[in-house]
């Protein structure tokens, strides 16, 4: 029912409904409505309002008294407008509303629908696994992944991205070149760090995209202690009862030969009667390089000494 004093009117799409366009772009065709009562009506205000998708229309309130073409209703009750889609891909809607000239209330409306599609591939960004740490020679917890989007962040499918180890000597699992899925993601099957503790980097490249190449970084640390190896200070000689010139050192290493810190190492005089730091045995922790050493004083009897 119309308000008292307001004629019974209807409004319906007359063109431009169900279009498809690129997100953020102007649709190719105007959206057109026809206002009618018993016959086509001019002189009626039509409000165009974006109701889904965040786009915009050329003019929000369209007076219907202009008899010319363009965004104004003509003598046949036709009103049209131009619709720029919002920047997010997906369904979008605009309502064309007839309003009560006495109070501005909506009397009836027609709905236009459109579908916004992602634009061309424009950006390459890290999606997962950007900065990690793990044991040298082992796989990182999160396989590195990138996302390809248009300029507004809408995901793009079917874009080939190439991954390559840049530094650290590690390797990737699976193919090096991967096409993005429907979510715009491309990910390696896994990234195994190099066997030497230290920095590792991996790149993801797609020519022509802003942000390419993307660089992933990971720090490979020493693994579990696996072996005790002789370091400096073996095979020395010194006067009886004196300290050897070079501090005897052993190294605690993992399976790949990386030094392991914080491991308790006990150094014990086995023969010759000497001492370490004034005692027969001493326990010390390996340092950041895996090294552990003590000052060794030889015994007072001429002959071999062992530690």
C-alpha atoms as a PDB file:
ATOM      1  CA  UNK A   1       0.000   0.000   0.000  1.00  0.00           C
ATOM      2  CA  UNK A   2       1.182   3.472  -0.830  1.00  0.00           C
ATOM      3  CA  UNK A   3       0.947   6.299   1.669  1.00  0.00           C
ATOM      4  CA  UNK A   4      -2.159   8.514   1.466  1.00  0.00           C
ATOM      5  CA  UNK A   5      -1.830  10.997  -1.364  1.00  0.00           C
ATOM      6  CA  UNK A   6       0.856   8.930  -3.114  1.00  0.00           C
ATOM      7  CA  UNK A   7      -0.171   7.096  -6.306  1.00  0.00           C
ATOM      8  CA  UNK A   8       0.220   3.303  -6.544  1.00  0.00           C
ATOM      9  CA  UNK A   9       3.532   2.770  -8.341  1.00  0.00           C
ATOM     10  CA  UNK A  10       5.829  -0.094  -9.289  1.00  0.00           C
ATOM     11  CA  UNK A  11       9.477  -0.289 -10.239  1.00  0.00           C
ATOM     12  CA  UNK A  12      11.240  -3.057 -12.122  1.00  0.00           C
ATOM     13  CA  UNK A  13      14.624  -3.675 -13.763  1.00  0.00           C
ATOM     14  CA  UNK A  14      14.590  -2.725 -17.426  1.00  0.00           C
ATOM     15  CA  UNK A  15      18.232  -3.435 -18.293  1.00  0.00           C
ATOM     16  CA  UNK A  16      21.673  -4.032 -16.822  1.00  0.00           C
ATOM     17  CA  UNK A  17      20.729  -6.758 -14.358  1.00  0.00           C
ATOM     18  CA  UNK A  18      22.928  -9.834 -13.717  1.00  0.00           C
ATOM     19  CA  UNK A  19      26.110  -8.360 -15.185  1.00  0.00           C
ATOM     20  CA  UNK A  20      29.630  -9.612 -14.585  1.00  0.00           C
ATOM     21  CA  UNK A  21      32.639  -7.333 -14.261  1.00  0.00           C
ATOM     22  CA  UNK A  22      36.058  -6.899 -12.708  1.00  0.00           C
ATOM     23  CA  UNK A  23      36.160  -5.988  -9.018  1.00  0.00           C
ATOM     24  CA  UNK A  24      36.580  -2.242  -8.555  1.00  0.00           C
ATOM     25  CA  UNK A  25      35.596  -1.467 -12.161  1.00  0.00           C
ATOM     26  CA  UNK A  26      32.612   0.214 -13.818  1.00  0.00           C
ATOM     27  CA  UNK A  27      30.109  -2.263 -15.240  1.00  0.00           C
ATOM     28  CA  UNK A  28      29.851  -2.108 -19.027  1.00  0.00           C
ATOM     29  CA  UNK A  29      26.130  -1.358 -19.104  1.00  0.00           C
ATOM     30  CA  UNK A  30      24.015   1.036 -17.041  1.00  0.00           C
ATOM     31  CA  UNK A  31      21.404  -0.318 -14.667  1.00  0.00           C
ATOM     32  CA  UNK A  32      17.949   0.713 -15.854  1.00  0.00           C
ATOM     33  CA  UNK A  33      14.548   0.712 -14.130  1.00  0.00           C
ATOM     34  CA  UNK A  34      11.062   1.585 -15.296  1.00  0.00           C
ATOM     35  CA  UNK A  35       8.656   3.345 -12.974  1.00  0.00           C
ATOM     36  CA  UNK A  36       5.004   2.679 -13.705  1.00  0.00           C
ATOM     37  CA  UNK A  37       1.539   3.102 -12.325  1.00  0.00           C
ATOM     38  CA  UNK A  38      -1.298   2.429 -14.670  1.00  0.00           C
ATOM     39  CA  UNK A  39       1.023   3.887 -17.302  1.00  0.00           C
ATOM     40  CA  UNK A  40       4.746   4.831 -17.254  1.00  0.00           C
ATOM     41  CA  UNK A  41       5.399   7.564 -14.712  1.00  0.00           C
ATOM     42  CA  UNK A  42       7.827  10.451 -14.774  1.00  0.00           C
ATOM     43  CA  UNK A  43       8.370  12.957 -11.997  1.00  0.00           C
ATOM     44  CA  UNK A  44       9.160  10.267  -9.413  1.00  0.00           C
ATOM     45  CA  UNK A  45      12.449  10.227  -7.466  1.00  0.00           C
ATOM     46  CA  UNK A  46      14.424   6.968  -7.643  1.00  0.00           C
ATOM     47  CA  UNK A  47      17.132   6.271  -5.062  1.00  0.00           C
ATOM     48  CA  UNK A  48      19.935   3.908  -6.097  1.00  0.00           C
ATOM     49  CA  UNK A  49      21.591   2.314  -3.044  1.00  0.00           C
ATOM     50  CA  UNK A  50      24.455  -0.194  -2.912  1.00  0.00           C
ATOM     51  CA  UNK A  51      23.308  -2.946  -0.545  1.00  0.00           C
ATOM     52  CA  UNK A  52      26.040  -5.582  -0.965  1.00  0.00           C
ATOM     53  CA  UNK A  53      29.647  -5.532  -2.110  1.00  0.00           C
ATOM     54  CA  UNK A  54      30.724  -2.014  -1.207  1.00  0.00           C
ATOM     55  CA  UNK A  55      30.657  -0.486  -4.679  1.00  0.00           C
ATOM     56  CA  UNK A  56      29.198   2.855  -5.728  1.00  0.00           C
ATOM     57  CA  UNK A  57      26.653   4.374  -8.103  1.00  0.00           C
ATOM     58  CA  UNK A  58      27.033   7.545 -10.131  1.00  0.00           C
ATOM     59  CA  UNK A  59      24.105   9.340  -8.484  1.00  0.00           C
ATOM     60  CA  UNK A  60      22.303   8.197  -5.353  1.00  0.00           C
ATOM     61  CA  UNK A  61      19.028  10.092  -5.836  1.00  0.00           C
ATOM     62  CA  UNK A  62      17.754  10.326  -9.403  1.00  0.00           C
ATOM     63  CA  UNK A  63      14.936  12.798 -10.124  1.00  0.00           C
ATOM     64  CA  UNK A  64      12.673  11.486 -12.859  1.00  0.00           C
ATOM     65  CA  UNK A  65      11.698  14.776 -14.436  1.00  0.00           C
ATOM     66  CA  UNK A  66      14.531  14.960 -16.953  1.00  0.00           C
ATOM     67  CA  UNK A  67      13.356  13.862 -20.400  1.00  0.00           C
ATOM     68  CA  UNK A  68      16.897  13.170 -21.680  1.00  0.00           C
ATOM     69  CA  UNK A  69      18.987  10.019 -21.658  1.00  0.00           C
ATOM     70  CA  UNK A  70      21.606   9.349 -18.995  1.00  0.00           C
ATOM     71  CA  UNK A  71      21.071   8.719 -15.303  1.00  0.00           C
ATOM     72  CA  UNK A  72      17.656  10.408 -15.256  1.00  0.00           C
ATOM     73  CA  UNK A  73      14.186   8.963 -15.798  1.00  0.00           C
ATOM     74  CA  UNK A  74      12.567  10.007 -19.061  1.00  0.00           C
ATOM     75  CA  UNK A  75       8.994  10.471 -20.136  1.00  0.00           C
ATOM     76  CA  UNK A  76       8.599   6.684 -20.400  1.00  0.00           C
ATOM     77  CA  UNK A  77       9.341   6.283 -16.692  1.00  0.00           C
ATOM     78  CA  UNK A  78      12.879   5.078 -17.374  1.00  0.00           C
ATOM     79  CA  UNK A  79      15.707   5.907 -14.947  1.00  0.00           C
ATOM     80  CA  UNK A  80      19.255   4.656 -15.269  1.00  0.00           C
ATOM     81  CA  UNK A  81      22.509   4.833 -13.364  1.00  0.00           C
ATOM     82  CA  UNK A  82      26.116   3.651 -13.628  1.00  0.00           C
ATOM     83  CA  UNK A  83      27.427   1.081 -11.157  1.00  0.00           C
ATOM     84  CA  UNK A  84      31.047   0.646 -10.101  1.00  0.00           C
ATOM     85  CA  UNK A  85      31.612  -2.683  -8.383  1.00  0.00           C
ATOM     86  CA  UNK A  86      33.263  -2.994  -4.995  1.00  0.00           C
ATOM     87  CA  UNK A  87      36.815  -4.274  -4.740  1.00  0.00           C
ATOM     88  CA  UNK A  88      35.943  -7.678  -3.240  1.00  0.00           C
ATOM     89  CA  UNK A  89      35.195 -10.477  -5.706  1.00  0.00           C
ATOM     90  CA  UNK A  90      31.777 -12.078  -5.303  1.00  0.00           C
ATOM     91  CA  UNK A  91      28.077 -11.185  -5.453  1.00  0.00           C
ATOM     92  CA  UNK A  92      27.058  -7.528  -5.295  1.00  0.00           C
ATOM     93  CA  UNK A  93      23.658  -5.801  -5.267  1.00  0.00           C
ATOM     94  CA  UNK A  94      22.085  -2.393  -5.770  1.00  0.00           C
ATOM     95  CA  UNK A  95      18.508  -1.455  -4.903  1.00  0.00           C
ATOM     96  CA  UNK A  96      16.564   1.092  -6.925  1.00  0.00           C
ATOM     97  CA  UNK A  97      14.010   2.528  -4.504  1.00  0.00           C
ATOM     98  CA  UNK A  98      10.917   4.630  -5.032  1.00  0.00           C
ATOM     99  CA  UNK A  99      10.569   7.089  -2.179  1.00  0.00           C
ATOM    100  CA  UNK A 100       7.679   9.008  -0.713  1.00  0.00           C
ATOM    101  CA  UNK A 101       8.234  12.639  -1.708  1.00  0.00           C
ATOM    102  CA  UNK A 102       6.549  13.717   1.540  1.00  0.00           C
ATOM    103  CA  UNK A 103       8.884  11.947   3.993  1.00  0.00           C
ATOM    104  CA  UNK A 104      11.557  10.094   1.998  1.00  0.00           C
ATOM    105  CA  UNK A 105      10.353   6.642   3.074  1.00  0.00           C
ATOM    106  CA  UNK A 106      10.865   3.747   0.663  1.00  0.00           C
ATOM    107  CA  UNK A 107       7.662   2.771  -1.139  1.00  0.00           C
ATOM    108  CA  UNK A 108       8.952  -0.142  -3.216  1.00  0.00           C
ATOM    109  CA  UNK A 109      12.214  -1.243  -4.756  1.00  0.00           C
ATOM    110  CA  UNK A 110      13.880  -3.294  -7.484  1.00  0.00           C
ATOM    111  CA  UNK A 111      17.119  -5.205  -6.938  1.00  0.00           C
ATOM    112  CA  UNK A 112      20.009  -5.466  -9.386  1.00  0.00           C
ATOM    113  CA  UNK A 113      22.577  -8.211  -9.023  1.00  0.00           C
ATOM    114  CA  UNK A 114      26.125  -8.412 -10.371  1.00  0.00           C
ATOM    115  CA  UNK A 115      29.142 -10.641  -9.950  1.00  0.00           C
ATOM    116  CA  UNK A 116      32.572  -9.115  -9.348  1.00  0.00           C
ATOM    117  CA  UNK A 117      35.480 -11.187 -10.641  1.00  0.00           C
ATOM    118  CA  UNK A 118      39.098 -10.933  -9.565  1.00  0.00           C
ATOM    119  CA  UNK A 119      41.253  -8.792 -11.813  1.00  0.00           C
ATOM    120  CA  UNK A 120      44.597  -9.774 -13.333  1.00  0.00           C
ATOM    121  CA  UNK A 121      47.324 -11.192 -11.095  1.00  0.00           C
ATOM    122  CA  UNK A 122      49.216  -8.297  -9.504  1.00  0.00           C
ATOM    123  CA  UNK A 123      50.680  -9.199  -6.090  1.00  0.00           C
ATOM    124  CA  UNK A 124      52.792 -12.021  -4.635  1.00  0.00           C
ATOM    125  CA  UNK A 125      52.897 -12.275  -0.840  1.00  0.00           C
ATOM    126  CA  UNK A 126      53.959 -14.699   1.890  1.00  0.00           C
ATOM    127  CA  UNK A 127      50.995 -16.739   3.085  1.00  0.00           C
ATOM    128  CA  UNK A 128      52.707 -19.144   5.516  1.00  0.00           C
ATOM    129  CA  UNK A 129      56.147 -20.147   6.751  1.00  0.00           C
ATOM    130  CA  UNK A 130      57.846 -16.782   6.346  1.00  0.00           C
ATOM    131  CA  UNK A 131      60.300 -16.968   9.255  1.00  0.00           C
ATOM    132  CA  UNK A 132      61.024 -20.252  10.984  1.00  0.00           C
ATOM    133  CA  UNK A 133      63.623 -22.164  12.956  1.00  0.00           C
ATOM    134  CA  UNK A 134      64.438 -25.841  13.181  1.00  0.00           C
ATOM    135  CA  UNK A 135      67.193 -28.384  13.475  1.00  0.00           C
ATOM    136  CA  UNK A 136      69.779 -28.351  10.713  1.00  0.00           C
ATOM    137  CA  UNK A 137      69.084 -31.103   8.209  1.00  0.00           C
ATOM    138  CA  UNK A 138      65.402 -31.377   9.166  1.00  0.00           C
ATOM    139  CA  UNK A 139      62.172 -30.105   7.602  1.00  0.00           C
ATOM    140  CA  UNK A 140      60.600 -26.875   8.861  1.00  0.00           C
ATOM    141  CA  UNK A 141      57.257 -27.158  10.623  1.00  0.00           C
ATOM    142  CA  UNK A 142      55.247 -25.073   8.127  1.00  0.00           C
ATOM    143  CA  UNK A 143      55.805 -25.616   4.387  1.00  0.00           C
ATOM    144  CA  UNK A 144      56.396 -22.185   2.793  1.00  0.00           C
ATOM    145  CA  UNK A 145      53.380 -20.858   0.873  1.00  0.00           C
ATOM    146  CA  UNK A 146      52.595 -17.743  -1.147  1.00  0.00           C
ATOM    147  CA  UNK A 147      49.343 -16.161  -2.274  1.00  0.00           C
ATOM    148  CA  UNK A 148      48.795 -14.521  -5.665  1.00  0.00           C
ATOM    149  CA  UNK A 149      46.112 -11.815  -5.758  1.00  0.00           C
ATOM    150  CA  UNK A 150      44.832  -8.996  -7.905  1.00  0.00           C
ATOM    151  CA  UNK A 151      45.481  -5.397  -6.875  1.00  0.00           C
ATOM    152  CA  UNK A 152      42.692  -5.569  -4.276  1.00  0.00           C
ATOM    153  CA  UNK A 153      43.740  -8.829  -2.628  1.00  0.00           C
ATOM    154  CA  UNK A 154      41.337 -11.177  -4.414  1.00  0.00           C
ATOM    155  CA  UNK A 155      42.953 -14.610  -4.923  1.00  0.00           C
ATOM    156  CA  UNK A 156      43.965 -15.676  -8.425  1.00  0.00           C
ATOM    157  CA  UNK A 157      43.956 -19.307  -9.531  1.00  0.00           C
ATOM    158  CA  UNK A 158      46.216 -21.013 -12.049  1.00  0.00           C
ATOM    159  CA  UNK A 159      49.327 -18.837 -11.677  1.00  0.00           C
ATOM    160  CA  UNK A 160      52.643 -20.734 -11.841  1.00  0.00           C
ATOM    161  CA  UNK A 161      55.062 -19.882  -9.005  1.00  0.00           C
ATOM    162  CA  UNK A 162      58.624 -21.231  -8.882  1.00  0.00           C
ATOM    163  CA  UNK A 163      60.344 -22.058  -5.571  1.00  0.00           C
ATOM    164  CA  UNK A 164      64.129 -22.376  -5.223  1.00  0.00           C
ATOM    165  CA  UNK A 165      66.619 -22.805  -2.375  1.00  0.00           C
ATOM    166  CA  UNK A 166      68.767 -19.666  -2.281  1.00  0.00           C
ATOM    167  CA  UNK A 167      71.160 -20.196   0.641  1.00  0.00           C
ATOM    168  CA  UNK A 168      71.916 -22.820   3.270  1.00  0.00           C
ATOM    169  CA  UNK A 169      72.086 -25.857   1.015  1.00  0.00           C
ATOM    170  CA  UNK A 170      68.709 -27.378   1.850  1.00  0.00           C
ATOM    171  CA  UNK A 171      66.085 -28.847  -0.459  1.00  0.00           C
ATOM    172  CA  UNK A 172      62.358 -28.746  -1.204  1.00  0.00           C
ATOM    173  CA  UNK A 173      59.932 -31.635  -1.499  1.00  0.00           C
ATOM    174  CA  UNK A 174      57.775 -31.971  -4.598  1.00  0.00           C
ATOM    175  CA  UNK A 175      57.813 -29.939  -7.823  1.00  0.00           C
ATOM    176  CA  UNK A 176      59.619 -26.611  -7.892  1.00  0.00           C
ATOM    177  CA  UNK A 177      56.929 -24.882  -9.985  1.00  0.00           C
ATOM    178  CA  UNK A 178      53.417 -24.966  -8.565  1.00  0.00           C
ATOM    179  CA  UNK A 179      50.140 -23.475  -9.825  1.00  0.00           C
ATOM    180  CA  UNK A 180      47.990 -21.498  -7.398  1.00  0.00           C
ATOM    181  CA  UNK A 181      44.706 -23.047  -6.339  1.00  0.00           C
ATOM    182  CA  UNK A 182      41.279 -21.477  -6.016  1.00  0.00           C
ATOM    183  CA  UNK A 183      42.435 -19.711  -2.856  1.00  0.00           C
ATOM    184  CA  UNK A 184      45.406 -18.178  -4.689  1.00  0.00           C
ATOM    185  CA  UNK A 185      47.854 -20.322  -2.709  1.00  0.00           C
ATOM    186  CA  UNK A 186      50.939 -22.157  -3.918  1.00  0.00           C
ATOM    187  CA  UNK A 187      53.025 -24.137  -1.424  1.00  0.00           C
ATOM    188  CA  UNK A 188      55.988 -26.489  -1.528  1.00  0.00           C
ATOM    189  CA  UNK A 189      55.542 -29.997  -0.206  1.00  0.00           C
ATOM    190  CA  UNK A 190      58.218 -29.311   2.405  1.00  0.00           C
ATOM    191  CA  UNK A 191      61.489 -27.474   3.001  1.00  0.00           C
ATOM    192  CA  UNK A 192      64.435 -29.336   4.520  1.00  0.00           C
ATOM    193  CA  UNK A 193      67.164 -27.111   5.908  1.00  0.00           C
ATOM    194  CA  UNK A 194      70.828 -27.606   5.090  1.00  0.00           C
ATOM    195  CA  UNK A 195      72.930 -29.762   7.394  1.00  0.00           C
ATOM    196  CA  UNK A 196      75.141 -26.878   8.543  1.00  0.00           C
ATOM    197  CA  UNK A 197      73.708 -24.781  11.374  1.00  0.00           C
ATOM    198  CA  UNK A 198      72.948 -21.212  10.326  1.00  0.00           C
ATOM    199  CA  UNK A 199      70.786 -19.154   7.972  1.00  0.00           C
ATOM    200  CA  UNK A 200      68.722 -20.707   5.187  1.00  0.00           C
ATOM    201  CA  UNK A 201      66.638 -18.897   2.549  1.00  0.00           C
ATOM    202  CA  UNK A 202      64.098 -19.986  -0.039  1.00  0.00           C
ATOM    203  CA  UNK A 203      62.604 -17.832  -2.805  1.00  0.00           C
ATOM    204  CA  UNK A 204      59.250 -17.907  -4.594  1.00  0.00           C
ATOM    205  CA  UNK A 205      59.190 -16.150  -7.952  1.00  0.00           C
ATOM    206  CA  UNK A 206      56.572 -15.115 -10.492  1.00  0.00           C
ATOM    207  CA  UNK A 207      57.747 -12.639 -13.094  1.00  0.00           C
ATOM    208  CA  UNK A 208      55.724  -9.442 -13.390  1.00  0.00           C
ATOM    209  CA  UNK A 209      54.117  -9.506  -9.947  1.00  0.00           C
ATOM    210  CA  UNK A 210      54.746  -6.889  -7.298  1.00  0.00           C
ATOM    211  CA  UNK A 211      56.585  -8.481  -4.378  1.00  0.00           C
ATOM    212  CA  UNK A 212      58.356 -11.093  -6.495  1.00  0.00           C
ATOM    213  CA  UNK A 213      60.596 -12.743  -5.521  1.00  0.00           C
ATOM    214  CA  UNK A 214      59.308 -13.513  -2.041  1.00  0.00           C
ATOM    215  CA  UNK A 215      62.009 -14.686   0.384  1.00  0.00           C
ATOM    216  CA  UNK A 216      61.450 -17.184   3.189  1.00  0.00           C
ATOM    217  CA  UNK A 217      64.053 -17.444   5.942  1.00  0.00           C
ATOM    218  CA  UNK A 218      64.805 -20.112   8.506  1.00  0.00           C
ATOM    219  CA  UNK A 219      67.554 -20.649  11.044  1.00  0.00           C
ATOM    220  CA  UNK A 220      68.930 -24.144  11.307  1.00  0.00           C
ATOM    221  CA  UNK A 221      70.190 -24.986  14.779  1.00  0.00           C
ATOM    222  CA  UNK A 222      72.182 -27.938  16.050  1.00  0.00           C
ATOM    223  CA  UNK A 223      70.285 -31.151  16.629  1.00  0.00           C
ATOM    224  CA  UNK A 224      70.590 -33.520  19.559  1.00  0.00           C
ATOM    225  CA  UNK A 225      74.061 -34.327  20.882  1.00  0.00           C
ATOM    226  CA  UNK A 226      75.349 -37.398  19.069  1.00  0.00           C
ATOM    227  CA  UNK A 227      79.120 -37.561  19.430  1.00  0.00           C
ATOM    228  CA  UNK A 228      82.091 -36.314  21.437  1.00  0.00           C
ATOM    229  CA  UNK A 229      85.107 -35.487  19.276  1.00  0.00           C
ATOM    230  CA  UNK A 230      88.672 -34.529  20.144  1.00  0.00           C
ATOM    231  CA  UNK A 231      89.515 -30.866  19.638  1.00  0.00           C
ATOM    232  CA  UNK A 232      92.704 -29.011  20.551  1.00  0.00           C
ATOM    233  CA  UNK A 233      95.406 -29.952  23.029  1.00  0.00           C
ATOM    234  CA  UNK A 234      96.223 -33.584  22.263  1.00  0.00           C
ATOM    235  CA  UNK A 235      99.826 -34.908  22.096  1.00  0.00           C
ATOM    236  CA  UNK A 236     101.482 -32.118  24.100  1.00  0.00           C
ATOM    237  CA  UNK A 237     104.542 -32.194  26.364  1.00  0.00           C
ATOM    238  CA  UNK A 238     105.459 -30.085  29.368  1.00  0.00           C
ATOM    239  CA  UNK A 239     107.657 -30.149  32.456  1.00  0.00           C
ATOM    240  CA  UNK A 240     106.417 -32.329  35.261  1.00  0.00           C
ATOM    241  CA  UNK A 241     104.032 -30.521  37.591  1.00  0.00           C
ATOM    242  CA  UNK A 242     103.301 -27.760  35.089  1.00  0.00           C
ATOM    243  CA  UNK A 243     100.285 -26.827  33.032  1.00  0.00           C
ATOM    244  CA  UNK A 244     100.251 -27.724  29.336  1.00  0.00           C
ATOM    245  CA  UNK A 245     100.394 -24.793  26.939  1.00  0.00           C
ATOM    246  CA  UNK A 246      97.171 -25.554  25.078  1.00  0.00           C
ATOM    247  CA  UNK A 247      93.950 -26.134  26.974  1.00  0.00           C
ATOM    248  CA  UNK A 248      92.598 -29.601  26.080  1.00  0.00           C
ATOM    249  CA  UNK A 249      89.228 -29.243  24.325  1.00  0.00           C
ATOM    250  CA  UNK A 250      86.547 -31.670  23.207  1.00  0.00           C
ATOM    251  CA  UNK A 251      83.490 -30.821  21.091  1.00  0.00           C
ATOM    252  CA  UNK A 252      79.967 -32.096  21.503  1.00  0.00           C
ATOM    253  CA  UNK A 253      78.379 -32.377  18.041  1.00  0.00           C
ATOM    254  CA  UNK A 254      75.112 -33.507  16.493  1.00  0.00           C
ATOM    255  CA  UNK A 255      74.788 -36.101  13.735  1.00  0.00           C
ATOM    256  CA  UNK A 256      75.816 -33.487  11.151  1.00  0.00           C
ATOM    257  CA  UNK A 257      78.873 -32.236  13.035  1.00  0.00           C
ATOM    258  CA  UNK A 258      77.291 -29.046  14.387  1.00  0.00           C
ATOM    259  CA  UNK A 259      78.400 -28.020  17.872  1.00  0.00           C
ATOM    260  CA  UNK A 260      75.805 -28.546  20.602  1.00  0.00           C
ATOM    261  CA  UNK A 261      75.759 -26.099  23.504  1.00  0.00           C
ATOM    262  CA  UNK A 262      74.914 -26.751  27.133  1.00  0.00           C
ATOM    263  CA  UNK A 263      75.931 -30.416  27.342  1.00  0.00           C
ATOM    264  CA  UNK A 264      77.657 -31.535  30.559  1.00  0.00           C
ATOM    265  CA  UNK A 265      81.103 -32.992  29.842  1.00  0.00           C
ATOM    266  CA  UNK A 266      83.288 -34.576  32.540  1.00  0.00           C
ATOM    267  CA  UNK A 267      87.067 -34.406  32.043  1.00  0.00           C
ATOM    268  CA  UNK A 268      88.983 -36.854  34.248  1.00  0.00           C
ATOM    269  CA  UNK A 269      92.702 -37.455  34.777  1.00  0.00           C
ATOM    270  CA  UNK A 270      93.267 -41.114  33.870  1.00  0.00           C
ATOM    271  CA  UNK A 271      97.018 -41.541  34.377  1.00  0.00           C
ATOM    272  CA  UNK A 272     100.107 -39.609  35.341  1.00  0.00           C
ATOM    273  CA  UNK A 273      98.783 -38.148  38.552  1.00  0.00           C
ATOM    274  CA  UNK A 274      98.043 -34.664  37.311  1.00  0.00           C
ATOM    275  CA  UNK A 275      94.935 -32.541  37.833  1.00  0.00           C
ATOM    276  CA  UNK A 276      92.354 -30.419  36.042  1.00  0.00           C
ATOM    277  CA  UNK A 277      91.684 -27.080  37.673  1.00  0.00           C
ATOM    278  CA  UNK A 278      93.262 -28.526  40.842  1.00  0.00           C
ATOM    279  CA  UNK A 279      91.057 -31.638  41.054  1.00  0.00           C
ATOM    280  CA  UNK A 280      91.075 -35.105  39.550  1.00  0.00           C
ATOM    281  CA  UNK A 281      87.863 -34.668  37.550  1.00  0.00           C
ATOM    282  CA  UNK A 282      85.754 -31.690  36.534  1.00  0.00           C
ATOM    283  CA  UNK A 283      82.352 -31.388  34.838  1.00  0.00           C
ATOM    284  CA  UNK A 284      81.761 -28.384  32.594  1.00  0.00           C
ATOM    285  CA  UNK A 285      79.152 -27.351  30.022  1.00  0.00           C
ATOM    286  CA  UNK A 286      79.865 -27.119  26.318  1.00  0.00           C
ATOM    287  CA  UNK A 287      79.801 -23.561  24.966  1.00  0.00           C
ATOM    288  CA  UNK A 288      77.939 -22.141  21.963  1.00  0.00           C
ATOM    289  CA  UNK A 289      80.303 -23.949  19.578  1.00  0.00           C
ATOM    290  CA  UNK A 290      79.976 -27.244  21.441  1.00  0.00           C
ATOM    291  CA  UNK A 291      83.464 -26.914  22.972  1.00  0.00           C
ATOM    292  CA  UNK A 292      84.383 -27.881  26.520  1.00  0.00           C
ATOM    293  CA  UNK A 293      87.906 -27.523  27.926  1.00  0.00           C
ATOM    294  CA  UNK A 294      89.884 -27.363  31.183  1.00  0.00           C
ATOM    295  CA  UNK A 295      93.354 -26.362  32.332  1.00  0.00           C
ATOM    296  CA  UNK A 296      95.456 -29.524  32.726  1.00  0.00           C
ATOM    297  CA  UNK A 297      98.460 -29.758  35.013  1.00  0.00           C
ATOM    298  CA  UNK A 298     100.700 -32.782  34.509  1.00  0.00           C
ATOM    299  CA  UNK A 299     101.743 -35.091  37.315  1.00  0.00           C
ATOM    300  CA  UNK A 300     105.118 -34.877  39.112  1.00  0.00           C
ATOM    301  CA  UNK A 301     106.484 -38.106  37.655  1.00  0.00           C
ATOM    302  CA  UNK A 302     108.242 -38.153  34.302  1.00  0.00           C
ATOM    303  CA  UNK A 303     106.252 -40.128  31.751  1.00  0.00           C
ATOM    304  CA  UNK A 304     102.940 -40.256  29.928  1.00  0.00           C
ATOM    305  CA  UNK A 305      99.835 -38.506  31.223  1.00  0.00           C
ATOM    306  CA  UNK A 306      96.302 -39.088  29.963  1.00  0.00           C
ATOM    307  CA  UNK A 307      93.039 -37.152  30.329  1.00  0.00           C
END
